[in-house]
Each structure stands twice: as structure tokens, then as C-alpha cells.
């Protein structure tokens, strides 16, 4: 910088000139990795430094080193093999969907939709589907990578349901559910089934076929009267009233990320 004063009695002014030679500038969007990890809930920057130094963090498939800078908008970051969302503005809502609400962002028939039950901004989408008459837990987010892992059958994320059915299923009917039921789109994967009451079943599945639990129960002769999803992977909460939602806690999000990584 050169400062030039013109005239003894005149107010001085400053002329700023560019320094000579090339200037090295890192992209404005690049941020130190430990700062990114701290922002999404992995503890202090010192603790995040320790994670990186221990070789537990990867960026785009490569083990990160101290001082690494990343672009949070595009970097694929994983801790202990579990991909984590680092893009700014990611949100995760856990909703207790009531019956009569459609699991879409828009409905041509004008019926209420799940996105109307959560904040309008930032825009989110439901992870998976619950049919119109099914109640219970539904995750909504703008984290597409995590959503894809939760819904893809290869990751095997469990979903637990409580089904009130007509009649009382026999042992042979329960065995069919546990071994796999033949449906019009193929045989189902084995389900974990526990009778809660004579006409109430707790079922755990990891597939995501359309109306799967309802079709499974109907296939053994016991149509569903009421169906409630009570768990998505490690996520469960009986305190959320129908139509209400809350943000995921940091430890819940970490558990969900580990669940899809382990699968």
C-alpha cells in the first residue's frame, strides 16, 4: 500500500494499489474441517482436531489430515465410516403424522399434506411414505444423501409398526409373516412379529413397499384396522402428539447416521 499526501494544507487521501506479484487466495467457500465438524455437533474444535488426527474422518473417501479445508456444499464427509451432513442449512424434523394427512409436498385433491405441519422454510421433503390412513413417526429433511440411505432397502433400516387387526392371528399366520408373505410384487423379507394383544401385532420390517404392512396382514386373513409407525431405525418418541413435530437431537442424528453406515 502506498499513501500519498498532496498539499500541506489539504486533507490527505489514500491511494491503495495491488501488491506486486501473484496473490494466493483460497476459495471463499472452503472452511477448516474441524470448524465444519464442530458446527454439526461433534464437540469443540479441539475435540474435532483429535478426531481428524486419529484418522477417523474422511473427505471424499480419503482420510483427512489436520488443516484440511473443505467446501461444505459439495464435500462428502464421514466420521468412523458414517456419512454426515455438513451442508449449511440442513434440518431434520421428526413428525407424528396423523391419519388423513398425505405424505407428499402437494396433493392435487387438496388434502392436507405433511409439509404443511412443519416450518415452510427451509423446504423439506418426507423420507419414505406413510399411506393416508397410517399414523406415526415420519422424518422430514432437506438432506438428500441421508434420506436415500434410509429409504433404500439395501441399507436395511428398520421400521417398527403397531397394527390393530381384525381377528386374532394364528401361529401359522404369524409364522408366515416371520418367514415371508407372497404378495403381488414378490415375497416379503422376513419380519419380526410379536403379538401384543390377541388382535394387536408389533411388526419390524426393513423394506419400504407400498402399503406393505397392510398387505402382509391382509394376506394372512387379518386386515389392518389401525396402523401406527413407532420407530424409524434408532428414532422413537411416544411423547409427540399427533400433528406435532420436533427437531432431531444431535445424538439422534448421529445414531441415524451410524445406522445407515453400519447397514
C-alpha atoms as a PDB file:
ATOM      1  CA  UNK A   1       0.000   0.000   0.000  1.00  0.00           C
ATOM      2  CA  UNK A   2       1.331   3.484  -0.840  1.00  0.00           C
ATOM      3  CA  UNK A   3      -0.010   6.614   0.867  1.00  0.00           C
ATOM      4  CA  UNK A   4       0.372   9.875  -0.973  1.00  0.00           C
ATOM      5  CA  UNK A   5      -0.228  13.273   0.635  1.00  0.00           C
ATOM      6  CA  UNK A   6      -0.897  16.102  -1.805  1.00  0.00           C
ATOM      7  CA  UNK A   7      -0.554  19.596  -0.466  1.00  0.00           C
ATOM      8  CA  UNK A   8       0.433  20.556   3.062  1.00  0.00           C
ATOM      9  CA  UNK A   9      -2.926  22.042   3.973  1.00  0.00           C
ATOM     10  CA  UNK A  10      -5.162  19.726   2.027  1.00  0.00           C
ATOM     11  CA  UNK A  11      -6.875  16.778   3.616  1.00  0.00           C
ATOM     12  CA  UNK A  12      -4.730  13.720   2.855  1.00  0.00           C
ATOM     13  CA  UNK A  13      -6.226  10.875   0.890  1.00  0.00           C
ATOM     14  CA  UNK A  14      -5.163   7.287   0.434  1.00  0.00           C
ATOM     15  CA  UNK A  15      -4.428   5.530  -2.826  1.00  0.00           C
ATOM     16  CA  UNK A  16      -4.466   1.748  -2.452  1.00  0.00           C
ATOM     17  CA  UNK A  17      -2.566  -0.234  -5.046  1.00  0.00           C
ATOM     18  CA  UNK A  18      -2.454  -4.009  -5.534  1.00  0.00           C
ATOM     19  CA  UNK A  19       0.732  -5.656  -4.249  1.00  0.00           C
ATOM     20  CA  UNK A  20       3.141  -6.748  -6.914  1.00  0.00           C
ATOM     21  CA  UNK A  21       3.293 -10.413  -7.911  1.00  0.00           C
ATOM     22  CA  UNK A  22       0.678 -13.183  -7.754  1.00  0.00           C
ATOM     23  CA  UNK A  23      -1.566 -13.489  -4.704  1.00  0.00           C
ATOM     24  CA  UNK A  24      -2.657 -16.885  -3.373  1.00  0.00           C
ATOM     25  CA  UNK A  25      -6.322 -16.898  -2.376  1.00  0.00           C
ATOM     26  CA  UNK A  26      -8.195 -19.987  -1.150  1.00  0.00           C
ATOM     27  CA  UNK A  27     -11.777 -20.291  -2.361  1.00  0.00           C
ATOM     28  CA  UNK A  28     -14.095 -18.290  -0.116  1.00  0.00           C
ATOM     29  CA  UNK A  29     -16.322 -21.293   0.450  1.00  0.00           C
ATOM     30  CA  UNK A  30     -13.556 -23.532   1.818  1.00  0.00           C
ATOM     31  CA  UNK A  31     -13.710 -23.947   5.600  1.00  0.00           C
ATOM     32  CA  UNK A  32     -11.425 -25.753   8.004  1.00  0.00           C
ATOM     33  CA  UNK A  33     -12.686 -29.274   8.548  1.00  0.00           C
ATOM     34  CA  UNK A  34     -12.635 -29.083  12.345  1.00  0.00           C
ATOM     35  CA  UNK A  35     -14.870 -25.999  12.187  1.00  0.00           C
ATOM     36  CA  UNK A  36     -17.347 -27.856   9.988  1.00  0.00           C
ATOM     37  CA  UNK A  37     -17.406 -30.844  12.362  1.00  0.00           C
ATOM     38  CA  UNK A  38     -17.884 -28.615  15.392  1.00  0.00           C
ATOM     39  CA  UNK A  39     -20.770 -26.804  13.705  1.00  0.00           C
ATOM     40  CA  UNK A  40     -22.692 -30.028  13.118  1.00  0.00           C
ATOM     41  CA  UNK A  41     -22.293 -31.246  16.689  1.00  0.00           C
ATOM     42  CA  UNK A  42     -19.061 -33.219  17.066  1.00  0.00           C
ATOM     43  CA  UNK A  43     -17.849 -31.146  20.017  1.00  0.00           C
ATOM     44  CA  UNK A  44     -15.271 -28.432  20.371  1.00  0.00           C
ATOM     45  CA  UNK A  45     -12.770 -27.696  17.616  1.00  0.00           C
ATOM     46  CA  UNK A  46     -10.085 -29.268  19.804  1.00  0.00           C
ATOM     47  CA  UNK A  47     -12.117 -32.468  20.034  1.00  0.00           C
ATOM     48  CA  UNK A  48     -12.685 -32.380  16.280  1.00  0.00           C
ATOM     49  CA  UNK A  49      -8.940 -31.962  15.769  1.00  0.00           C
ATOM     50  CA  UNK A  50      -8.467 -35.141  17.812  1.00  0.00           C
ATOM     51  CA  UNK A  51     -10.967 -36.994  15.577  1.00  0.00           C
ATOM     52  CA  UNK A  52      -9.065 -35.920  12.478  1.00  0.00           C
ATOM     53  CA  UNK A  53      -5.657 -36.725  13.984  1.00  0.00           C
ATOM     54  CA  UNK A  54      -6.898 -40.215  14.886  1.00  0.00           C
ATOM     55  CA  UNK A  55      -7.735 -40.887  11.230  1.00  0.00           C
ATOM     56  CA  UNK A  56     -11.457 -41.242  11.946  1.00  0.00           C
ATOM     57  CA  UNK A  57     -12.590 -38.627   9.419  1.00  0.00           C
ATOM     58  CA  UNK A  58     -12.661 -38.973   5.647  1.00  0.00           C
ATOM     59  CA  UNK A  59     -13.380 -36.399   2.951  1.00  0.00           C
ATOM     60  CA  UNK A  60     -14.477 -37.677  -0.447  1.00  0.00           C
ATOM     61  CA  UNK A  61     -13.246 -41.128   0.530  1.00  0.00           C
ATOM     62  CA  UNK A  62      -9.762 -40.030   1.650  1.00  0.00           C
ATOM     63  CA  UNK A  63      -8.538 -39.947   5.250  1.00  0.00           C
ATOM     64  CA  UNK A  64      -8.403 -36.311   6.306  1.00  0.00           C
ATOM     65  CA  UNK A  65      -5.369 -34.621   7.845  1.00  0.00           C
ATOM     66  CA  UNK A  66      -5.132 -31.701  10.239  1.00  0.00           C
ATOM     67  CA  UNK A  67      -5.539 -28.385   8.460  1.00  0.00           C
ATOM     68  CA  UNK A  68      -7.748 -29.864   5.732  1.00  0.00           C
ATOM     69  CA  UNK A  69     -10.199 -27.385   4.250  1.00  0.00           C
ATOM     70  CA  UNK A  70     -13.464 -28.420   2.612  1.00  0.00           C
ATOM     71  CA  UNK A  71     -16.356 -26.964   0.699  1.00  0.00           C
ATOM     72  CA  UNK A  72     -19.388 -27.889   2.872  1.00  0.00           C
ATOM     73  CA  UNK A  73     -21.687 -27.561  -0.128  1.00  0.00           C
ATOM     74  CA  UNK A  74     -20.043 -30.433  -2.008  1.00  0.00           C
ATOM     75  CA  UNK A  75     -17.716 -32.377   0.305  1.00  0.00           C
ATOM     76  CA  UNK A  76     -18.636 -35.930   1.297  1.00  0.00           C
ATOM     77  CA  UNK A  77     -17.552 -36.149   4.930  1.00  0.00           C
ATOM     78  CA  UNK A  78     -17.710 -39.303   7.059  1.00  0.00           C
ATOM     79  CA  UNK A  79     -16.783 -39.997  10.675  1.00  0.00           C
ATOM     80  CA  UNK A  80     -15.989 -43.607  11.585  1.00  0.00           C
ATOM     81  CA  UNK A  81     -17.408 -44.583   8.197  1.00  0.00           C
ATOM     82  CA  UNK A  82     -20.750 -42.867   8.788  1.00  0.00           C
ATOM     83  CA  UNK A  83     -21.541 -40.150   6.201  1.00  0.00           C
ATOM     84  CA  UNK A  84     -22.623 -36.921   7.882  1.00  0.00           C
ATOM     85  CA  UNK A  85     -24.485 -33.928   6.518  1.00  0.00           C
ATOM     86  CA  UNK A  86     -22.279 -30.840   6.571  1.00  0.00           C
ATOM     87  CA  UNK A  87     -24.052 -28.605   4.070  1.00  0.00           C
ATOM     88  CA  UNK A  88     -25.221 -25.404   5.794  1.00  0.00           C
ATOM     89  CA  UNK A  89     -28.957 -25.162   6.410  1.00  0.00           C
ATOM     90  CA  UNK A  90     -29.711 -28.874   6.808  1.00  0.00           C
ATOM     91  CA  UNK A  91     -32.679 -29.583   9.081  1.00  0.00           C
ATOM     92  CA  UNK A  92     -34.243 -32.765  10.432  1.00  0.00           C
ATOM     93  CA  UNK A  93     -37.827 -32.879  11.736  1.00  0.00           C
ATOM     94  CA  UNK A  94     -39.463 -35.828  13.483  1.00  0.00           C
ATOM     95  CA  UNK A  95     -43.221 -35.650  12.923  1.00  0.00           C
ATOM     96  CA  UNK A  96     -46.072 -37.696  14.352  1.00  0.00           C
ATOM     97  CA  UNK A  97     -48.260 -37.937  11.268  1.00  0.00           C
ATOM     98  CA  UNK A  98     -51.993 -38.111  11.951  1.00  0.00           C
ATOM     99  CA  UNK A  99     -54.370 -40.182   9.859  1.00  0.00           C
ATOM    100  CA  UNK A 100     -55.882 -38.309   6.915  1.00  0.00           C
ATOM    101  CA  UNK A 101     -52.684 -36.409   6.008  1.00  0.00           C
ATOM    102  CA  UNK A 102     -50.927 -37.197   2.723  1.00  0.00           C
ATOM    103  CA  UNK A 103     -47.182 -37.926   2.718  1.00  0.00           C
ATOM    104  CA  UNK A 104     -46.322 -35.577  -0.133  1.00  0.00           C
ATOM    105  CA  UNK A 105     -45.370 -31.952  -0.642  1.00  0.00           C
ATOM    106  CA  UNK A 106     -48.506 -31.246  -2.700  1.00  0.00           C
ATOM    107  CA  UNK A 107     -51.802 -33.015  -3.299  1.00  0.00           C
ATOM    108  CA  UNK A 108     -53.902 -32.424  -6.448  1.00  0.00           C
ATOM    109  CA  UNK A 109     -57.041 -33.297  -4.487  1.00  0.00           C
ATOM    110  CA  UNK A 110     -56.416 -30.552  -1.968  1.00  0.00           C
ATOM    111  CA  UNK A 111     -55.998 -32.841   1.023  1.00  0.00           C
ATOM    112  CA  UNK A 112     -53.707 -31.774   3.899  1.00  0.00           C
ATOM    113  CA  UNK A 113     -50.059 -32.715   3.363  1.00  0.00           C
ATOM    114  CA  UNK A 114     -47.258 -33.405   5.813  1.00  0.00           C
ATOM    115  CA  UNK A 115     -45.081 -30.452   4.794  1.00  0.00           C
ATOM    116  CA  UNK A 116     -47.865 -28.131   5.990  1.00  0.00           C
ATOM    117  CA  UNK A 117     -47.274 -29.421   9.526  1.00  0.00           C
ATOM    118  CA  UNK A 118     -43.619 -28.278   9.699  1.00  0.00           C
ATOM    119  CA  UNK A 119     -41.912 -24.918   9.001  1.00  0.00           C
ATOM    120  CA  UNK A 120     -42.193 -23.744   5.398  1.00  0.00           C
ATOM    121  CA  UNK A 121     -38.524 -22.714   5.228  1.00  0.00           C
ATOM    122  CA  UNK A 122     -36.181 -24.298   4.542  1.00  0.00           C
ATOM    123  CA  UNK A 123     -38.099 -26.544   2.199  1.00  0.00           C
ATOM    124  CA  UNK A 124     -38.049 -30.198   3.275  1.00  0.00           C
ATOM    125  CA  UNK A 125     -39.433 -33.478   1.965  1.00  0.00           C
ATOM    126  CA  UNK A 126     -40.688 -36.633   3.701  1.00  0.00           C
ATOM    127  CA  UNK A 127     -38.304 -39.580   3.964  1.00  0.00           C
ATOM    128  CA  UNK A 128     -40.303 -42.558   2.762  1.00  0.00           C
ATOM    129  CA  UNK A 129     -44.076 -42.734   2.894  1.00  0.00           C
ATOM    130  CA  UNK A 130     -46.914 -43.435   5.249  1.00  0.00           C
ATOM    131  CA  UNK A 131     -50.225 -44.009   3.493  1.00  0.00           C
ATOM    132  CA  UNK A 132     -53.197 -41.742   4.102  1.00  0.00           C
ATOM    133  CA  UNK A 133     -54.683 -43.733   6.983  1.00  0.00           C
ATOM    134  CA  UNK A 134     -51.405 -44.716   8.665  1.00  0.00           C
ATOM    135  CA  UNK A 135     -50.215 -42.741  11.663  1.00  0.00           C
ATOM    136  CA  UNK A 136     -46.907 -42.342  13.410  1.00  0.00           C
ATOM    137  CA  UNK A 137     -43.332 -41.237  13.044  1.00  0.00           C
ATOM    138  CA  UNK A 138     -42.121 -39.642   9.834  1.00  0.00           C
ATOM    139  CA  UNK A 139     -38.791 -37.952   9.186  1.00  0.00           C
ATOM    140  CA  UNK A 140     -38.676 -34.803   7.040  1.00  0.00           C
ATOM    141  CA  UNK A 141     -35.402 -33.245   5.931  1.00  0.00           C
ATOM    142  CA  UNK A 142     -33.524 -31.491   3.148  1.00  0.00           C
ATOM    143  CA  UNK A 143     -30.587 -33.894   3.496  1.00  0.00           C
ATOM    144  CA  UNK A 144     -30.968 -35.947   0.336  1.00  0.00           C
ATOM    145  CA  UNK A 145     -27.991 -38.240   0.966  1.00  0.00           C
ATOM    146  CA  UNK A 146     -29.271 -39.385   4.355  1.00  0.00           C
ATOM    147  CA  UNK A 147     -32.820 -39.730   3.016  1.00  0.00           C
ATOM    148  CA  UNK A 148     -31.649 -42.013   0.220  1.00  0.00           C
ATOM    149  CA  UNK A 149     -29.799 -44.256   2.650  1.00  0.00           C
ATOM    150  CA  UNK A 150     -32.779 -44.542   4.989  1.00  0.00           C
ATOM    151  CA  UNK A 151     -35.226 -45.461   2.239  1.00  0.00           C
ATOM    152  CA  UNK A 152     -33.009 -47.740   0.129  1.00  0.00           C
ATOM    153  CA  UNK A 153     -33.693 -51.386   1.056  1.00  0.00           C
ATOM    154  CA  UNK A 154     -30.008 -52.333   0.775  1.00  0.00           C
ATOM    155  CA  UNK A 155     -29.270 -50.342   3.943  1.00  0.00           C
ATOM    156  CA  UNK A 156     -31.838 -52.316   5.902  1.00  0.00           C
ATOM    157  CA  UNK A 157     -33.036 -49.513   8.185  1.00  0.00           C
ATOM    158  CA  UNK A 158     -35.729 -50.998  10.400  1.00  0.00           C
ATOM    159  CA  UNK A 159     -39.225 -49.576  10.707  1.00  0.00           C
ATOM    160  CA  UNK A 160     -41.454 -50.698  13.553  1.00  0.00           C
ATOM    161  CA  UNK A 161     -45.254 -50.670  13.426  1.00  0.00           C
ATOM    162  CA  UNK A 162     -48.114 -51.486  15.772  1.00  0.00           C
ATOM    163  CA  UNK A 163     -51.016 -52.981  13.823  1.00  0.00           C
ATOM    164  CA  UNK A 164     -54.542 -53.417  15.157  1.00  0.00           C
ATOM    165  CA  UNK A 165     -56.049 -56.164  13.020  1.00  0.00           C
ATOM    166  CA  UNK A 166     -59.344 -57.927  12.553  1.00  0.00           C
ATOM    167  CA  UNK A 167     -59.490 -61.173  14.498  1.00  0.00           C
ATOM    168  CA  UNK A 168     -56.633 -62.948  16.230  1.00  0.00           C
ATOM    169  CA  UNK A 169     -53.793 -64.247  14.013  1.00  0.00           C
ATOM    170  CA  UNK A 170     -52.958 -67.919  14.453  1.00  0.00           C
ATOM    171  CA  UNK A 171     -49.476 -69.320  14.988  1.00  0.00           C
ATOM    172  CA  UNK A 172     -49.349 -70.358  11.356  1.00  0.00           C
ATOM    173  CA  UNK A 173     -50.283 -66.826  10.282  1.00  0.00           C
ATOM    174  CA  UNK A 174     -47.561 -65.347  12.463  1.00  0.00           C
ATOM    175  CA  UNK A 175     -45.094 -67.855  11.033  1.00  0.00           C
ATOM    176  CA  UNK A 176     -45.944 -66.691   7.515  1.00  0.00           C
ATOM    177  CA  UNK A 177     -45.210 -63.094   8.482  1.00  0.00           C
ATOM    178  CA  UNK A 178     -41.903 -64.136  10.016  1.00  0.00           C
ATOM    179  CA  UNK A 179     -40.841 -66.253   7.052  1.00  0.00           C
ATOM    180  CA  UNK A 180     -42.111 -64.019   4.247  1.00  0.00           C
ATOM    181  CA  UNK A 181     -45.512 -63.464   2.671  1.00  0.00           C
ATOM    182  CA  UNK A 182     -46.214 -63.839  -1.030  1.00  0.00           C
ATOM    183  CA  UNK A 183     -47.557 -60.531  -2.384  1.00  0.00           C
ATOM    184  CA  UNK A 184     -48.342 -59.456  -5.939  1.00  0.00           C
ATOM    185  CA  UNK A 185     -44.912 -57.787  -6.164  1.00  0.00           C
ATOM    186  CA  UNK A 186     -42.975 -60.732  -4.720  1.00  0.00           C
ATOM    187  CA  UNK A 187     -42.348 -62.413  -1.414  1.00  0.00           C
ATOM    188  CA  UNK A 188     -41.556 -60.132   1.508  1.00  0.00           C
ATOM    189  CA  UNK A 189     -38.394 -60.312   3.555  1.00  0.00           C
ATOM    190  CA  UNK A 190     -38.858 -61.989   6.941  1.00  0.00           C
ATOM    191  CA  UNK A 191     -40.419 -59.697   9.535  1.00  0.00           C
ATOM    192  CA  UNK A 192     -40.028 -59.714  13.291  1.00  0.00           C
ATOM    193  CA  UNK A 193     -43.522 -60.128  14.733  1.00  0.00           C
ATOM    194  CA  UNK A 194     -44.639 -60.007  18.368  1.00  0.00           C
ATOM    195  CA  UNK A 195     -48.261 -60.358  19.484  1.00  0.00           C
ATOM    196  CA  UNK A 196     -49.064 -57.524  21.921  1.00  0.00           C
ATOM    197  CA  UNK A 197     -52.732 -58.427  22.386  1.00  0.00           C
ATOM    198  CA  UNK A 198     -54.904 -61.006  20.599  1.00  0.00           C
ATOM    199  CA  UNK A 199     -55.637 -58.503  17.819  1.00  0.00           C
ATOM    200  CA  UNK A 200     -52.551 -56.262  18.106  1.00  0.00           C
ATOM    201  CA  UNK A 201     -49.203 -57.039  16.481  1.00  0.00           C
ATOM    202  CA  UNK A 202     -45.826 -55.350  16.651  1.00  0.00           C
ATOM    203  CA  UNK A 203     -44.009 -55.770  13.329  1.00  0.00           C
ATOM    204  CA  UNK A 204     -40.472 -54.783  12.375  1.00  0.00           C
ATOM    205  CA  UNK A 205     -39.589 -54.649   8.672  1.00  0.00           C
ATOM    206  CA  UNK A 206     -36.776 -53.084   6.649  1.00  0.00           C
ATOM    207  CA  UNK A 207     -38.406 -52.916   3.234  1.00  0.00           C
ATOM    208  CA  UNK A 208     -40.443 -49.961   2.034  1.00  0.00           C
ATOM    209  CA  UNK A 209     -43.049 -51.337  -0.340  1.00  0.00           C
ATOM    210  CA  UNK A 210     -46.314 -49.525  -0.836  1.00  0.00           C
ATOM    211  CA  UNK A 211     -48.767 -50.340   1.989  1.00  0.00           C
ATOM    212  CA  UNK A 212     -46.570 -53.305   2.860  1.00  0.00           C
ATOM    213  CA  UNK A 213     -47.697 -53.999   6.431  1.00  0.00           C
ATOM    214  CA  UNK A 214     -51.358 -53.687   5.470  1.00  0.00           C
ATOM    215  CA  UNK A 215     -50.909 -56.087   2.553  1.00  0.00           C
ATOM    216  CA  UNK A 216     -48.960 -58.566   4.670  1.00  0.00           C
ATOM    217  CA  UNK A 217     -51.669 -58.709   7.313  1.00  0.00           C
ATOM    218  CA  UNK A 218     -54.414 -58.957   4.711  1.00  0.00           C
ATOM    219  CA  UNK A 219     -52.535 -61.823   3.044  1.00  0.00           C
ATOM    220  CA  UNK A 220     -52.815 -63.910   6.220  1.00  0.00           C
ATOM    221  CA  UNK A 221     -56.508 -63.083   6.567  1.00  0.00           C
ATOM    222  CA  UNK A 222     -56.360 -60.311   9.174  1.00  0.00           C
ATOM    223  CA  UNK A 223     -56.880 -56.864   7.583  1.00  0.00           C
ATOM    224  CA  UNK A 224     -55.498 -53.866   9.451  1.00  0.00           C
ATOM    225  CA  UNK A 225     -57.931 -51.649  11.323  1.00  0.00           C
ATOM    226  CA  UNK A 226     -55.355 -49.145  12.583  1.00  0.00           C
ATOM    227  CA  UNK A 227     -51.650 -48.853  11.829  1.00  0.00           C
ATOM    228  CA  UNK A 228     -49.074 -46.738  13.685  1.00  0.00           C
ATOM    229  CA  UNK A 229     -45.346 -46.472  12.952  1.00  0.00           C
ATOM    230  CA  UNK A 230     -43.491 -46.272  16.258  1.00  0.00           C
ATOM    231  CA  UNK A 231     -39.826 -46.370  15.225  1.00  0.00           C
ATOM    232  CA  UNK A 232     -37.512 -45.466  12.328  1.00  0.00           C
ATOM    233  CA  UNK A 233     -34.113 -47.082  12.874  1.00  0.00           C
ATOM    234  CA  UNK A 234     -32.956 -45.735  16.255  1.00  0.00           C
ATOM    235  CA  UNK A 235     -35.619 -42.986  16.327  1.00  0.00           C
ATOM    236  CA  UNK A 236     -38.639 -43.343  18.586  1.00  0.00           C
ATOM    237  CA  UNK A 237     -40.666 -40.920  20.682  1.00  0.00           C
ATOM    238  CA  UNK A 238     -44.077 -41.605  22.211  1.00  0.00           C
ATOM    239  CA  UNK A 239     -44.367 -38.088  23.625  1.00  0.00           C
ATOM    240  CA  UNK A 240     -45.004 -36.298  20.298  1.00  0.00           C
ATOM    241  CA  UNK A 241     -48.718 -35.712  19.934  1.00  0.00           C
ATOM    242  CA  UNK A 242     -50.381 -36.339  16.542  1.00  0.00           C
ATOM    243  CA  UNK A 243     -49.690 -33.455  14.168  1.00  0.00           C
ATOM    244  CA  UNK A 244     -46.732 -32.188  16.231  1.00  0.00           C
ATOM    245  CA  UNK A 245     -43.039 -32.277  15.358  1.00  0.00           C
ATOM    246  CA  UNK A 246     -39.642 -31.553  16.839  1.00  0.00           C
ATOM    247  CA  UNK A 247     -36.052 -31.195  15.694  1.00  0.00           C
ATOM    248  CA  UNK A 248     -33.837 -34.252  15.947  1.00  0.00           C
ATOM    249  CA  UNK A 249     -31.356 -34.080  18.786  1.00  0.00           C
ATOM    250  CA  UNK A 250     -27.699 -34.239  17.794  1.00  0.00           C
ATOM    251  CA  UNK A 251     -27.222 -37.677  19.355  1.00  0.00           C
ATOM    252  CA  UNK A 252     -30.285 -38.961  17.482  1.00  0.00           C
ATOM    253  CA  UNK A 253     -28.874 -37.719  14.192  1.00  0.00           C
ATOM    254  CA  UNK A 254     -25.502 -39.319  14.924  1.00  0.00           C
ATOM    255  CA  UNK A 255     -27.255 -42.613  15.749  1.00  0.00           C
ATOM    256  CA  UNK A 256     -29.206 -42.464  12.496  1.00  0.00           C
ATOM    257  CA  UNK A 257     -26.042 -41.762  10.505  1.00  0.00           C
ATOM    258  CA  UNK A 258     -24.316 -44.713  12.176  1.00  0.00           C
ATOM    259  CA  UNK A 259     -27.309 -46.944  11.445  1.00  0.00           C
ATOM    260  CA  UNK A 260     -27.121 -46.360   7.700  1.00  0.00           C
ATOM    261  CA  UNK A 261     -23.334 -46.656   7.727  1.00  0.00           C
ATOM    262  CA  UNK A 262     -23.411 -49.996   9.575  1.00  0.00           C
ATOM    263  CA  UNK A 263     -26.011 -51.323   7.172  1.00  0.00           C
END
